[in-house]
Amino acid sequence: MMRRTALSIALLGNVFAWPAAGQTQGGQPAAPHGDADWPRTVAALLGRPGTEMPGGIYCVALPRTDLHVTVDDVPIRPGFALGSWLAFREDGGQLMAMGDLVLLEREIAPVMRRLAQSGIEVTALHNRLLRAQPATMYLHVAGTSDPARLATALRDALQETKTPLTGAAGPAAVEGIDTAVFARALGREGRAAGGVYSVSVPRAEVIRERGVEVPAAMGLGTAINLQAAGNGRGAVTGDLVLTAAEVVPVQRALVEHGIEVTAVHNHMLGEEPRLFFMHFWAVDDPERLGRGLHAAIDRTNSRAAAG
């Protein structure tokens, strides 16, 4: 793997994380980055195109299709729980990035070194699944700079892993499970991609990170993923985005419905209100899974389901 020169590391040292809105680290107004087509720049440097999301977000999905992970003998699809992603948004003339990198344990230290060299913050490192073989960890990142420097820094960190930066997504259809039954029980519709049925549930209140409003598409919405687990059963995982007062009621709702809580932690450092992310896992009939997750969401300040 190619190593960066000292000069290139020094240049990327200008990447910095999360200034106050419209300011640089030195407190001066942020100069416009001058790249009107920054999504194209980001896509070219990362090697994979992204998707435009609500709130002016450009999100690049980086599924770990190179990994073959099982939990309780269920083969995990890349889009189910192995999906690295990076989300970008303009703010104050600079480009903000947040993301979540799926890593093997041996990849954590080299990736963190690359990020530190570039001035990108690591805001969380945690598990998500229990009993995964091989074990996977999830590293959250945040940074602000011009598009080229930011995307280059993140690409160089990804190159310390075997994350594929090219390749097409798998088939969209979710086979072997009745997603319509799940959606009715959950009370919310989702979408199918890569053999996974995904539902996003935004919170009702505005969330800010160090004074900057952060849309749900930058990883601040409850995420629920469903895939087939054999014999008509489904496996569910994801994370519920909670305030402190919601953590215990939601945990109890999940346990009462046979859904295992696998992790509770932060993803960010300076968000308001303070948020906790509760990850879960279960294998069961899709209707029972939907009812259990419905009960958990009812204990949160989430937006009402559409129409």
Foldseek 3Di string as FASTA:
>chain_A
DDDDDPVLLVVLLLWAFDDAFQADPVGHGDAALPDPPLQVLLCVLLLHHFDQDPPQKTKGKQFQPVDFKDAPNFTDFRVAPRIKMKIWHDTNNKIKIKIKHKDQPVLVVQLVVLCVSNHKDWFDKAFFDPRMVVGIIITMIIIIGHSNSVSNSNSVSCVSDPGDSDDDAADFDQPLADVVLLCVLLVAAFGTTNNKTKDWWAFDDFKDFNNHTDDVVNPRTWMKIWHHRDPRKIKIKTKHKAAPVLVVVLCVLLVVLVKAWDDKAARHDGMPPGIIITMIIDIGHSNSVSNSNSSSCVSHRTDRHDD
